[in-house]
Amino acid sequence: MLDRFDAKILDIIQSDAGLSHEAIGQKVNLSASSVRRRIANLKKAGIIERDVALVNIESFGVLLIISVFLNEETPDIYNELDATFAQQDLVKQSYHVSGESDYVLIVHAPSMSAYEEWARSILMSNRYINRFNTTVVYSRRKFDTSISISSE
């Protein structure tokens, strides 16, 4: 369970992981060494998965949202598709979903022609995929990677 200091630290570093431990400590009334220990413990516990830099995706290629519809559903098919999608560099996010489709993929391709080539080789050739719908993102209006953290 997180205490209020851990929750505050997580709120802060979700917005700017580049802040120094001292700067974070000033915001939460802890010493820099205490902040450093808490962050290390949060990483060790798997609460913080990794530190990354967010690059403006619109500056490099095209962003696509793909709904994938399967012919049939079995645990083995899901496992095989999970492995396939996880190995694809163009697939940035993969979700099992409820509703009409079975997967939603967030794909970033350097160009539409690169996406078309990838879709032909990976999606169209897969015997388990009945069909897929592709939505091209014209512009991103909101993007937030943070989640609400509660110490309660």
C-alpha atoms as a PDB file:
ATOM      1  CA  MET A   1       0.000   0.000   0.000  1.00  0.00           C
ATOM      2  CA  LEU A   2       1.243   3.444  -0.851  1.00  0.00           C
ATOM      3  CA  ASP A   3       1.448   6.137   1.754  1.00  0.00           C
ATOM      4  CA  ARG A   4       0.710   9.782   1.010  1.00  0.00           C
ATOM      5  CA  PHE A   5       4.372  10.580   0.288  1.00  0.00           C
ATOM      6  CA  ASP A   6       4.662   7.804  -2.311  1.00  0.00           C
ATOM      7  CA  ALA A   7       1.404   8.954  -3.910  1.00  0.00           C
ATOM      8  CA  LYS A   8       2.619  12.564  -4.097  1.00  0.00           C
ATOM      9  CA  ILE A   9       5.981  11.496  -5.506  1.00  0.00           C
ATOM     10  CA  LEU A  10       4.234   9.424  -8.182  1.00  0.00           C
ATOM     11  CA  ASP A  11       1.971  12.335  -9.107  1.00  0.00           C
ATOM     12  CA  ILE A  12       5.004  14.583  -9.525  1.00  0.00           C
ATOM     13  CA  ILE A  13       7.226  12.247 -11.520  1.00  0.00           C
ATOM     14  CA  GLN A  14       4.402  11.270 -13.880  1.00  0.00           C
ATOM     15  CA  SER A  15       4.488  14.882 -15.065  1.00  0.00           C
ATOM     16  CA  ASP A  16       8.266  15.348 -14.993  1.00  0.00           C
ATOM     17  CA  ALA A  17      10.507  12.383 -14.207  1.00  0.00           C
ATOM     18  CA  GLY A  18      13.538  14.579 -14.835  1.00  0.00           C
ATOM     19  CA  LEU A  19      13.122  16.559 -11.623  1.00  0.00           C
ATOM     20  CA  SER A  20      15.934  16.124  -9.138  1.00  0.00           C
ATOM     21  CA  HIS A  21      15.300  14.232  -5.922  1.00  0.00           C
ATOM     22  CA  GLU A  22      15.907  17.482  -4.096  1.00  0.00           C
ATOM     23  CA  ALA A  23      13.228  19.321  -6.111  1.00  0.00           C
ATOM     24  CA  ILE A  24      10.736  16.510  -5.525  1.00  0.00           C
ATOM     25  CA  GLY A  25      11.618  16.467  -1.837  1.00  0.00           C
ATOM     26  CA  GLN A  26      10.884  20.186  -1.532  1.00  0.00           C
ATOM     27  CA  LYS A  27       7.412  19.615  -3.008  1.00  0.00           C
ATOM     28  CA  VAL A  28       6.566  16.734  -0.646  1.00  0.00           C
ATOM     29  CA  ASN A  29       8.545  17.823   2.433  1.00  0.00           C
ATOM     30  CA  LEU A  30      11.074  14.973   2.371  1.00  0.00           C
ATOM     31  CA  SER A  31      14.851  14.878   2.042  1.00  0.00           C
ATOM     32  CA  ALA A  32      16.428  14.094  -1.319  1.00  0.00           C
ATOM     33  CA  SER A  33      17.798  10.799   0.052  1.00  0.00           C
ATOM     34  CA  SER A  34      14.337   9.789   1.266  1.00  0.00           C
ATOM     35  CA  VAL A  35      12.861  10.565  -2.152  1.00  0.00           C
ATOM     36  CA  ARG A  36      15.643   8.555  -3.824  1.00  0.00           C
ATOM     37  CA  ARG A  37      14.956   5.541  -1.541  1.00  0.00           C
ATOM     38  CA  ARG A  38      11.202   5.753  -2.106  1.00  0.00           C
ATOM     39  CA  ILE A  39      11.597   5.919  -5.887  1.00  0.00           C
ATOM     40  CA  ALA A  40      14.005   2.956  -5.802  1.00  0.00           C
ATOM     41  CA  ASN A  41      11.476   0.983  -3.738  1.00  0.00           C
ATOM     42  CA  LEU A  42       8.654   1.886  -6.143  1.00  0.00           C
ATOM     43  CA  LYS A  43      10.792   0.623  -9.032  1.00  0.00           C
ATOM     44  CA  LYS A  44      11.710  -2.557  -7.172  1.00  0.00           C
ATOM     45  CA  ALA A  45       8.017  -3.203  -6.426  1.00  0.00           C
ATOM     46  CA  GLY A  46       7.167  -2.768 -10.121  1.00  0.00           C
ATOM     47  CA  ILE A  47       4.956   0.265  -9.492  1.00  0.00           C
ATOM     48  CA  ILE A  48       7.294   2.378 -11.619  1.00  0.00           C
ATOM     49  CA  GLU A  49       7.900   0.315 -14.740  1.00  0.00           C
ATOM     50  CA  ARG A  50      10.483   2.529 -16.434  1.00  0.00           C
ATOM     51  CA  ASP A  51      11.608   6.092 -17.086  1.00  0.00           C
ATOM     52  CA  VAL A  52      11.131   7.323 -20.658  1.00  0.00           C
ATOM     53  CA  ALA A  53      11.216  10.461 -22.776  1.00  0.00           C
ATOM     54  CA  LEU A  54       7.984  11.158 -24.650  1.00  0.00           C
ATOM     55  CA  VAL A  55       8.684  12.115 -28.258  1.00  0.00           C
ATOM     56  CA  ASN A  56       6.147  14.067 -30.303  1.00  0.00           C
ATOM     57  CA  ILE A  57       4.803  11.208 -32.425  1.00  0.00           C
ATOM     58  CA  GLU A  58       3.215  13.534 -34.973  1.00  0.00           C
ATOM     59  CA  SER A  59       6.696  14.687 -35.991  1.00  0.00           C
ATOM     60  CA  PHE A  60       7.622  11.220 -37.227  1.00  0.00           C
ATOM     61  CA  GLY A  61       5.142   9.389 -39.440  1.00  0.00           C
ATOM     62  CA  VAL A  62       1.521   8.447 -39.007  1.00  0.00           C
ATOM     63  CA  LEU A  63      -0.461   7.209 -36.011  1.00  0.00           C
ATOM     64  CA  LEU A  64      -3.174   4.598 -36.590  1.00  0.00           C
ATOM     65  CA  ILE A  65      -5.804   2.935 -34.436  1.00  0.00           C
ATOM     66  CA  ILE A  66      -6.678  -0.552 -35.630  1.00  0.00           C
ATOM     67  CA  SER A  67      -9.658  -2.653 -34.559  1.00  0.00           C
ATOM     68  CA  VAL A  68      -9.002  -6.351 -35.168  1.00  0.00           C
ATOM     69  CA  PHE A  69     -11.800  -8.887 -35.561  1.00  0.00           C
ATOM     70  CA  LEU A  70     -11.035 -12.589 -35.149  1.00  0.00           C
ATOM     71  CA  ASN A  71     -12.583 -15.606 -36.876  1.00  0.00           C
ATOM     72  CA  GLU A  72     -12.689 -17.508 -33.601  1.00  0.00           C
ATOM     73  CA  GLU A  73     -11.512 -17.030 -30.052  1.00  0.00           C
ATOM     74  CA  THR A  74      -9.497 -19.483 -27.995  1.00  0.00           C
ATOM     75  CA  PRO A  75      -6.802 -18.971 -25.375  1.00  0.00           C
ATOM     76  CA  ASP A  76      -4.200 -20.376 -27.796  1.00  0.00           C
ATOM     77  CA  ILE A  77      -5.199 -17.920 -30.516  1.00  0.00           C
ATOM     78  CA  TYR A  78      -5.010 -15.001 -28.099  1.00  0.00           C
ATOM     79  CA  ASN A  79      -1.594 -16.176 -26.879  1.00  0.00           C
ATOM     80  CA  GLU A  80      -0.304 -16.467 -30.439  1.00  0.00           C
ATOM     81  CA  LEU A  81      -1.609 -13.024 -31.410  1.00  0.00           C
ATOM     82  CA  ASP A  82      -0.271 -11.481 -28.200  1.00  0.00           C
ATOM     83  CA  ALA A  83       3.182 -12.804 -29.095  1.00  0.00           C
ATOM     84  CA  THR A  84       2.861 -11.660 -32.715  1.00  0.00           C
ATOM     85  CA  PHE A  85       1.809  -8.125 -31.800  1.00  0.00           C
ATOM     86  CA  ALA A  86       4.438  -7.874 -29.042  1.00  0.00           C
ATOM     87  CA  GLN A  87       7.174  -8.590 -31.614  1.00  0.00           C
ATOM     88  CA  GLN A  88       6.040  -5.885 -34.022  1.00  0.00           C
ATOM     89  CA  ASP A  89       8.001  -2.641 -33.843  1.00  0.00           C
ATOM     90  CA  LEU A  90       5.118  -0.687 -35.395  1.00  0.00           C
ATOM     91  CA  VAL A  91       2.685  -1.825 -32.666  1.00  0.00           C
ATOM     92  CA  LYS A  92       3.047   0.593 -29.767  1.00  0.00           C
ATOM     93  CA  GLN A  93       0.068  -0.603 -27.728  1.00  0.00           C
ATOM     94  CA  SER A  94      -2.081  -3.733 -27.892  1.00  0.00           C
ATOM     95  CA  TYR A  95      -5.342  -4.263 -26.027  1.00  0.00           C
ATOM     96  CA  HIS A  96      -7.826  -7.129 -25.708  1.00  0.00           C
ATOM     97  CA  VAL A  97     -11.220  -5.433 -25.727  1.00  0.00           C
ATOM     98  CA  SER A  98     -14.878  -6.262 -25.336  1.00  0.00           C
ATOM     99  CA  GLY A  99     -17.473  -5.234 -27.886  1.00  0.00           C
ATOM    100  CA  GLU A 100     -17.475  -5.874 -31.609  1.00  0.00           C
ATOM    101  CA  SER A 101     -13.704  -6.129 -32.064  1.00  0.00           C
ATOM    102  CA  ASP A 102     -11.299  -8.406 -30.245  1.00  0.00           C
ATOM    103  CA  TYR A 103      -8.154  -6.250 -30.240  1.00  0.00           C
ATOM    104  CA  VAL A 104      -7.336  -2.591 -30.529  1.00  0.00           C
ATOM    105  CA  LEU A 105      -3.835  -1.782 -31.711  1.00  0.00           C
ATOM    106  CA  ILE A 106      -2.105   1.577 -31.608  1.00  0.00           C
ATOM    107  CA  VAL A 107       0.356   1.585 -34.483  1.00  0.00           C
ATOM    108  CA  HIS A 108       2.953   4.145 -35.514  1.00  0.00           C
ATOM    109  CA  ALA A 109       4.309   3.836 -39.047  1.00  0.00           C
ATOM    110  CA  PRO A 110       6.837   5.998 -40.851  1.00  0.00           C
ATOM    111  CA  SER A 111       4.420   6.363 -43.785  1.00  0.00           C
ATOM    112  CA  MET A 112       1.100   5.081 -45.099  1.00  0.00           C
ATOM    113  CA  SER A 113       2.913   2.903 -47.618  1.00  0.00           C
ATOM    114  CA  ALA A 114       4.982   1.358 -44.801  1.00  0.00           C
ATOM    115  CA  TYR A 115       1.754   0.728 -42.884  1.00  0.00           C
ATOM    116  CA  GLU A 116       0.129  -0.871 -45.923  1.00  0.00           C
ATOM    117  CA  GLU A 117       3.097  -3.197 -46.370  1.00  0.00           C
ATOM    118  CA  TRP A 118       3.026  -4.113 -42.678  1.00  0.00           C
ATOM    119  CA  ALA A 119      -0.765  -4.670 -42.687  1.00  0.00           C
ATOM    120  CA  ARG A 120      -0.464  -6.991 -45.680  1.00  0.00           C
ATOM    121  CA  SER A 121       2.327  -9.046 -44.142  1.00  0.00           C
ATOM    122  CA  ILE A 122       1.058  -9.197 -40.545  1.00  0.00           C
ATOM    123  CA  LEU A 123      -2.698  -8.634 -40.457  1.00  0.00           C
ATOM    124  CA  MET A 124      -3.984  -9.788 -43.840  1.00  0.00           C
ATOM    125  CA  SER A 125      -1.870 -12.929 -43.827  1.00  0.00           C
ATOM    126  CA  ASN A 126      -2.908 -14.068 -40.348  1.00  0.00           C
ATOM    127  CA  ARG A 127      -5.349 -16.977 -40.529  1.00  0.00           C
ATOM    128  CA  TYR A 128      -7.064 -15.971 -37.263  1.00  0.00           C
ATOM    129  CA  ILE A 129      -7.877 -12.407 -38.314  1.00  0.00           C
ATOM    130  CA  ASN A 130     -11.196 -12.118 -40.128  1.00  0.00           C
ATOM    131  CA  ARG A 131     -10.873  -8.398 -40.815  1.00  0.00           C
ATOM    132  CA  PHE A 132      -9.556  -5.156 -39.380  1.00  0.00           C
ATOM    133  CA  ASN A 133     -10.530  -1.495 -39.491  1.00  0.00           C
ATOM    134  CA  THR A 134      -7.913   1.219 -39.592  1.00  0.00           C
ATOM    135  CA  THR A 135      -8.489   4.748 -38.309  1.00  0.00           C
ATOM    136  CA  VAL A 136      -5.876   7.343 -39.253  1.00  0.00           C
ATOM    137  CA  VAL A 137      -5.210   9.931 -36.565  1.00  0.00           C
ATOM    138  CA  TYR A 138      -5.162  13.417 -38.148  1.00  0.00           C
ATOM    139  CA  SER A 139      -4.134  15.176 -34.974  1.00  0.00           C
ATOM    140  CA  ARG A 140      -3.844  14.357 -31.313  1.00  0.00           C
ATOM    141  CA  ARG A 141      -5.949  16.649 -29.116  1.00  0.00           C
ATOM    142  CA  LYS A 142      -5.156  15.117 -25.740  1.00  0.00           C
ATOM    143  CA  PHE A 143      -2.482  12.707 -24.642  1.00  0.00           C
ATOM    144  CA  ASP A 144      -1.782  12.017 -20.995  1.00  0.00           C
ATOM    145  CA  THR A 145       0.198   9.083 -19.668  1.00  0.00           C
ATOM    146  CA  SER A 146      -0.463   9.830 -16.001  1.00  0.00           C
ATOM    147  CA  ILE A 147      -2.914   7.962 -13.814  1.00  0.00           C
ATOM    148  CA  SER A 148      -4.594   9.176 -10.629  1.00  0.00           C
ATOM    149  CA  ILE A 149      -2.805   7.920  -7.532  1.00  0.00           C
ATOM    150  CA  SER A 150      -4.561   7.662  -4.218  1.00  0.00           C
ATOM    151  CA  SER A 151      -2.882   6.946  -0.902  1.00  0.00           C
ATOM    152  CA  GLU A 152      -6.210   5.918   0.611  1.00  0.00           C
END
